[in-house]
Amino acid sequence: MSSNNSSESPRTTAGLTAQIRSLVRRTFEGRPGFVAAYLYGSALRDDYQPDCSDTDVLLIFEDSTEKQSLYDSIKGFVSEQRTVDVTIIFMSEFMQRVHPGWSR
């Protein structure tokens, strides 16, 4: 497992990506039910502004994931990165392309 590259500033897209990757690994790697995390939104576009943009992260979990412990983990994740906007979906929703930002 590689660690966060300290030479990358979170004020750049590369630095933000490295910071979020490290945070996701620390919080969710090895956790039963965790499938994937995706960074999306302005962090991947040209309109990302480090001083005012939030960071959108989509977390995907297996349907069988125990929800209360999942929510407890999310609280810890968000408290470490105050400008993060977390969307949680489960695998069955992901397979049906259910996401608040996706049109049907």
N, C-alpha and C. Protein backbone atom coordinates (compact mmCIF):
# COMPACT_ATOMS: atom_id res chain seq x y z
N MET A 1 0.85 -1.17 0.00
CA MET A 1 0.00 0.00 0.00
C MET A 1 0.88 1.22 0.00
N SER A 2 0.74 2.09 -0.98
CA SER A 2 1.54 3.30 -1.00
C SER A 2 0.90 4.35 -0.11
N SER A 3 1.73 5.20 0.44
CA SER A 3 1.21 6.25 1.32
C SER A 3 0.96 7.52 0.53
N ASN A 4 0.32 8.46 1.17
CA ASN A 4 0.04 9.76 0.56
C ASN A 4 1.36 10.43 0.21
N ASN A 5 1.49 10.94 -1.00
CA ASN A 5 2.68 11.63 -1.44
C ASN A 5 2.70 13.02 -0.83
N SER A 6 3.59 13.24 0.12
CA SER A 6 3.59 14.50 0.85
C SER A 6 4.02 15.69 0.00
N SER A 7 4.61 15.44 -1.19
CA SER A 7 5.01 16.55 -2.04
C SER A 7 3.83 17.14 -2.82
N GLU A 8 2.71 16.45 -2.83
CA GLU A 8 1.52 16.94 -3.53
C GLU A 8 0.68 17.78 -2.59
N SER A 9 0.38 19.00 -2.99
CA SER A 9 -0.45 19.88 -2.19
C SER A 9 -1.92 19.60 -2.45
N PRO A 10 -2.77 19.59 -1.40
CA PRO A 10 -4.20 19.41 -1.62
C PRO A 10 -4.82 20.56 -2.40
N ARG A 11 -4.04 21.59 -2.69
CA ARG A 11 -4.54 22.72 -3.49
C ARG A 11 -4.50 22.39 -4.98
N THR A 12 -3.91 21.25 -5.35
CA THR A 12 -3.92 20.80 -6.74
C THR A 12 -4.82 19.58 -6.84
N THR A 13 -5.29 19.29 -8.04
CA THR A 13 -6.14 18.11 -8.22
C THR A 13 -5.37 16.85 -7.86
N ALA A 14 -4.11 16.76 -8.26
CA ALA A 14 -3.29 15.58 -7.94
C ALA A 14 -3.12 15.44 -6.43
N GLY A 15 -2.88 16.55 -5.76
CA GLY A 15 -2.72 16.51 -4.30
C GLY A 15 -4.01 16.14 -3.60
N LEU A 16 -5.13 16.67 -4.08
CA LEU A 16 -6.43 16.34 -3.50
C LEU A 16 -6.73 14.86 -3.69
N THR A 17 -6.47 14.37 -4.88
CA THR A 17 -6.70 12.95 -5.17
C THR A 17 -5.87 12.08 -4.24
N ALA A 18 -4.61 12.42 -4.06
CA ALA A 18 -3.74 11.65 -3.16
C ALA A 18 -4.24 11.71 -1.72
N GLN A 19 -4.70 12.87 -1.29
CA GLN A 19 -5.21 13.03 0.07
C GLN A 19 -6.47 12.19 0.29
N ILE A 20 -7.40 12.24 -0.64
CA ILE A 20 -8.64 11.47 -0.52
C ILE A 20 -8.34 9.97 -0.60
N ARG A 21 -7.46 9.57 -1.51
CA ARG A 21 -7.09 8.15 -1.63
C ARG A 21 -6.53 7.63 -0.31
N SER A 22 -5.65 8.40 0.31
CA SER A 22 -5.07 8.00 1.59
C SER A 22 -6.14 7.89 2.67
N LEU A 23 -7.04 8.86 2.71
CA LEU A 23 -8.12 8.86 3.71
C LEU A 23 -9.06 7.67 3.51
N VAL A 24 -9.41 7.38 2.26
CA VAL A 24 -10.28 6.23 1.97
C VAL A 24 -9.59 4.94 2.40
N ARG A 25 -8.32 4.81 2.09
CA ARG A 25 -7.59 3.59 2.47
C ARG A 25 -7.55 3.42 3.98
N ARG A 26 -7.22 4.49 4.69
CA ARG A 26 -7.16 4.40 6.16
C ARG A 26 -8.51 4.05 6.77
N THR A 27 -9.58 4.57 6.18
CA THR A 27 -10.90 4.41 6.77
C THR A 27 -11.59 3.12 6.34
N PHE A 28 -11.46 2.73 5.08
CA PHE A 28 -12.30 1.65 4.55
C PHE A 28 -11.57 0.41 4.05
N GLU A 29 -10.29 0.50 3.75
CA GLU A 29 -9.61 -0.68 3.20
C GLU A 29 -9.65 -1.84 4.20
N GLY A 30 -10.04 -2.99 3.72
CA GLY A 30 -10.15 -4.16 4.56
C GLY A 30 -11.46 -4.25 5.32
N ARG A 31 -12.28 -3.23 5.21
CA ARG A 31 -13.58 -3.24 5.90
C ARG A 31 -14.54 -4.13 5.14
N PRO A 32 -15.17 -5.07 5.82
CA PRO A 32 -16.13 -5.94 5.14
C PRO A 32 -17.22 -5.14 4.44
N GLY A 33 -17.47 -5.47 3.20
CA GLY A 33 -18.53 -4.82 2.44
C GLY A 33 -18.07 -3.65 1.58
N PHE A 34 -16.88 -3.12 1.83
CA PHE A 34 -16.40 -1.99 1.03
C PHE A 34 -16.04 -2.47 -0.38
N VAL A 35 -16.57 -1.78 -1.40
CA VAL A 35 -16.31 -2.16 -2.78
C VAL A 35 -15.37 -1.16 -3.46
N ALA A 36 -15.74 0.12 -3.44
CA ALA A 36 -14.95 1.11 -4.18
C ALA A 36 -15.28 2.52 -3.72
N ALA A 37 -14.39 3.43 -4.07
CA ALA A 37 -14.61 4.86 -3.84
C ALA A 37 -14.26 5.58 -5.14
N TYR A 38 -15.09 6.55 -5.48
CA TYR A 38 -14.87 7.34 -6.68
C TYR A 38 -14.90 8.82 -6.32
N LEU A 39 -13.93 9.54 -6.84
CA LEU A 39 -13.89 10.98 -6.72
C LEU A 39 -14.60 11.53 -7.96
N TYR A 40 -15.50 12.50 -7.76
CA TYR A 40 -16.21 13.07 -8.91
C TYR A 40 -16.49 14.54 -8.64
N GLY A 41 -17.06 15.22 -9.60
CA GLY A 41 -17.42 16.62 -9.43
C GLY A 41 -16.31 17.57 -9.84
N SER A 42 -16.31 18.75 -9.25
CA SER A 42 -15.38 19.81 -9.66
C SER A 42 -13.92 19.43 -9.45
N ALA A 43 -13.64 18.52 -8.53
CA ALA A 43 -12.26 18.09 -8.30
C ALA A 43 -11.63 17.50 -9.56
N LEU A 44 -12.46 17.02 -10.45
CA LEU A 44 -11.97 16.42 -11.69
C LEU A 44 -12.17 17.33 -12.90
N ARG A 45 -12.73 18.48 -12.66
CA ARG A 45 -12.97 19.43 -13.75
C ARG A 45 -12.07 20.64 -13.59
N ASP A 46 -12.11 21.51 -14.56
CA ASP A 46 -11.29 22.72 -14.53
C ASP A 46 -11.80 23.77 -13.55
N ASP A 47 -13.00 23.58 -12.99
CA ASP A 47 -13.56 24.62 -12.11
C ASP A 47 -13.32 24.36 -10.62
N TYR A 48 -12.43 23.43 -10.26
CA TYR A 48 -12.11 23.17 -8.86
C TYR A 48 -11.37 24.37 -8.27
N GLN A 49 -11.87 24.85 -7.12
CA GLN A 49 -11.25 25.96 -6.42
C GLN A 49 -10.96 25.52 -4.99
N PRO A 50 -9.69 25.32 -4.66
CA PRO A 50 -9.33 24.76 -3.35
C PRO A 50 -9.91 25.49 -2.15
N ASP A 51 -10.11 26.79 -2.26
CA ASP A 51 -10.60 27.56 -1.12
C ASP A 51 -12.11 27.48 -0.91
N CYS A 52 -12.86 27.04 -1.95
CA CYS A 52 -14.31 27.04 -1.77
C CYS A 52 -15.02 25.79 -2.32
N SER A 53 -14.37 24.98 -3.12
CA SER A 53 -15.03 23.78 -3.66
C SER A 53 -15.07 22.67 -2.61
N ASP A 54 -16.15 21.90 -2.63
CA ASP A 54 -16.16 20.71 -1.80
C ASP A 54 -15.56 19.57 -2.61
N THR A 55 -15.41 18.43 -1.97
CA THR A 55 -14.86 17.26 -2.62
C THR A 55 -15.94 16.19 -2.60
N ASP A 56 -16.36 15.76 -3.78
CA ASP A 56 -17.43 14.77 -3.90
C ASP A 56 -16.83 13.37 -3.98
N VAL A 57 -17.25 12.51 -3.06
CA VAL A 57 -16.76 11.13 -3.03
C VAL A 57 -17.97 10.20 -3.01
N LEU A 58 -17.97 9.25 -3.93
CA LEU A 58 -19.00 8.21 -3.99
C LEU A 58 -18.41 6.95 -3.38
N LEU A 59 -19.05 6.42 -2.35
CA LEU A 59 -18.62 5.18 -1.71
C LEU A 59 -19.62 4.08 -2.05
N ILE A 60 -19.12 2.94 -2.49
CA ILE A 60 -19.97 1.81 -2.86
C ILE A 60 -19.71 0.66 -1.90
N PHE A 61 -20.79 0.08 -1.38
CA PHE A 61 -20.71 -1.03 -0.44
C PHE A 61 -21.60 -2.17 -0.92
N GLU A 62 -21.24 -3.38 -0.51
CA GLU A 62 -22.09 -4.54 -0.77
C GLU A 62 -23.43 -4.33 -0.09
N ASP A 63 -24.48 -4.89 -0.66
CA ASP A 63 -25.82 -4.74 -0.08
C ASP A 63 -25.92 -5.28 1.33
N SER A 64 -25.11 -6.28 1.65
CA SER A 64 -25.19 -6.93 2.95
C SER A 64 -24.46 -6.16 4.06
N THR A 65 -23.88 -5.03 3.74
CA THR A 65 -23.12 -4.26 4.71
C THR A 65 -24.03 -3.80 5.86
N GLU A 66 -23.57 -4.01 7.08
CA GLU A 66 -24.32 -3.60 8.26
C GLU A 66 -24.31 -2.07 8.33
N LYS A 67 -25.47 -1.49 8.22
CA LYS A 67 -25.59 -0.06 7.99
C LYS A 67 -25.15 0.82 9.17
N GLN A 68 -25.43 0.44 10.40
CA GLN A 68 -25.06 1.30 11.52
C GLN A 68 -23.54 1.45 11.63
N SER A 69 -22.81 0.35 11.52
CA SER A 69 -21.35 0.46 11.60
C SER A 69 -20.80 1.22 10.40
N LEU A 70 -21.46 1.10 9.26
CA LEU A 70 -21.07 1.85 8.07
C LEU A 70 -21.21 3.35 8.34
N TYR A 71 -22.34 3.77 8.88
CA TYR A 71 -22.57 5.18 9.17
C TYR A 71 -21.58 5.71 10.21
N ASP A 72 -21.23 4.88 11.17
CA ASP A 72 -20.23 5.28 12.15
C ASP A 72 -18.88 5.52 11.48
N SER A 73 -18.52 4.68 10.51
CA SER A 73 -17.27 4.84 9.77
C SER A 73 -17.29 6.11 8.93
N ILE A 74 -18.44 6.39 8.34
CA ILE A 74 -18.57 7.59 7.50
C ILE A 74 -18.37 8.85 8.34
N LYS A 75 -18.91 8.86 9.56
CA LYS A 75 -18.74 10.03 10.43
C LYS A 75 -17.26 10.32 10.65
N GLY A 76 -16.48 9.27 10.89
CA GLY A 76 -15.05 9.44 11.08
C GLY A 76 -14.36 9.94 9.81
N PHE A 77 -14.78 9.42 8.69
CA PHE A 77 -14.23 9.82 7.39
C PHE A 77 -14.48 11.30 7.15
N VAL A 78 -15.71 11.74 7.35
CA VAL A 78 -16.08 13.13 7.08
C VAL A 78 -15.40 14.07 8.06
N SER A 79 -15.25 13.66 9.32
CA SER A 79 -14.65 14.57 10.29
C SER A 79 -13.18 14.83 9.97
N GLU A 80 -12.51 13.91 9.29
CA GLU A 80 -11.11 14.12 8.91
C GLU A 80 -10.99 15.08 7.73
N GLN A 81 -12.00 15.14 6.90
CA GLN A 81 -11.96 15.95 5.68
C GLN A 81 -13.24 16.79 5.65
N ARG A 82 -13.23 17.95 6.26
CA ARG A 82 -14.45 18.73 6.48
C ARG A 82 -15.14 19.19 5.21
N THR A 83 -14.46 19.26 4.09
CA THR A 83 -15.11 19.73 2.87
C THR A 83 -15.52 18.58 1.96
N VAL A 84 -15.64 17.40 2.53
CA VAL A 84 -16.01 16.24 1.72
C VAL A 84 -17.52 16.07 1.72
N ASP A 85 -18.07 15.77 0.55
CA ASP A 85 -19.49 15.47 0.42
C ASP A 85 -19.59 14.00 0.01
N VAL A 86 -20.03 13.17 0.93
CA VAL A 86 -20.04 11.72 0.71
C VAL A 86 -21.42 11.26 0.26
N THR A 87 -21.44 10.49 -0.81
CA THR A 87 -22.65 9.81 -1.25
C THR A 87 -22.40 8.32 -1.10
N ILE A 88 -23.30 7.66 -0.41
CA ILE A 88 -23.19 6.20 -0.21
C ILE A 88 -24.24 5.52 -1.06
N ILE A 89 -23.81 4.54 -1.83
CA ILE A 89 -24.77 3.68 -2.51
C ILE A 89 -24.33 2.24 -2.33
N PHE A 90 -25.26 1.36 -2.53
CA PHE A 90 -24.98 -0.06 -2.39
C PHE A 90 -24.87 -0.67 -3.78
N MET A 91 -24.25 -1.83 -3.84
CA MET A 91 -23.92 -2.45 -5.12
C MET A 91 -25.13 -2.60 -6.04
N SER A 92 -26.27 -3.00 -5.49
CA SER A 92 -27.46 -3.17 -6.34
C SER A 92 -27.88 -1.83 -6.94
N GLU A 93 -27.73 -0.75 -6.17
CA GLU A 93 -28.05 0.58 -6.69
C GLU A 93 -27.06 0.99 -7.78
N PHE A 94 -25.79 0.70 -7.53
CA PHE A 94 -24.76 1.01 -8.51
C PHE A 94 -25.01 0.28 -9.83
N MET A 95 -25.38 -0.98 -9.74
CA MET A 95 -25.64 -1.77 -10.95
C MET A 95 -26.85 -1.23 -11.71
N GLN A 96 -27.78 -0.59 -10.99
CA GLN A 96 -28.95 0.02 -11.63
C GLN A 96 -28.70 1.48 -11.99
N ARG A 97 -27.47 1.95 -11.77
CA ARG A 97 -27.06 3.33 -12.04
C ARG A 97 -27.89 4.33 -11.23
N VAL A 98 -28.16 3.99 -9.97
CA VAL A 98 -28.89 4.88 -9.08
C VAL A 98 -27.87 5.78 -8.37
N HIS A 99 -27.99 7.06 -8.59
CA HIS A 99 -27.15 8.06 -7.94
C HIS A 99 -27.88 9.39 -8.08
N PRO A 100 -27.86 10.21 -7.05
CA PRO A 100 -28.60 11.47 -7.13
C PRO A 100 -28.24 12.34 -8.34
N GLY A 101 -27.02 12.22 -8.84
CA GLY A 101 -26.61 13.04 -9.96
C GLY A 101 -26.79 12.40 -11.34
N TRP A 102 -27.23 11.15 -11.37
CA TRP A 102 -27.40 10.45 -12.65
C TRP A 102 -28.85 10.54 -13.08
N SER A 103 -29.07 10.91 -14.32
CA SER A 103 -30.45 10.90 -14.81
C SER A 103 -30.80 9.51 -15.29
N ARG A 104 -32.06 9.18 -15.23
CA ARG A 104 -32.48 7.83 -15.64
C ARG A 104 -32.85 7.83 -17.09
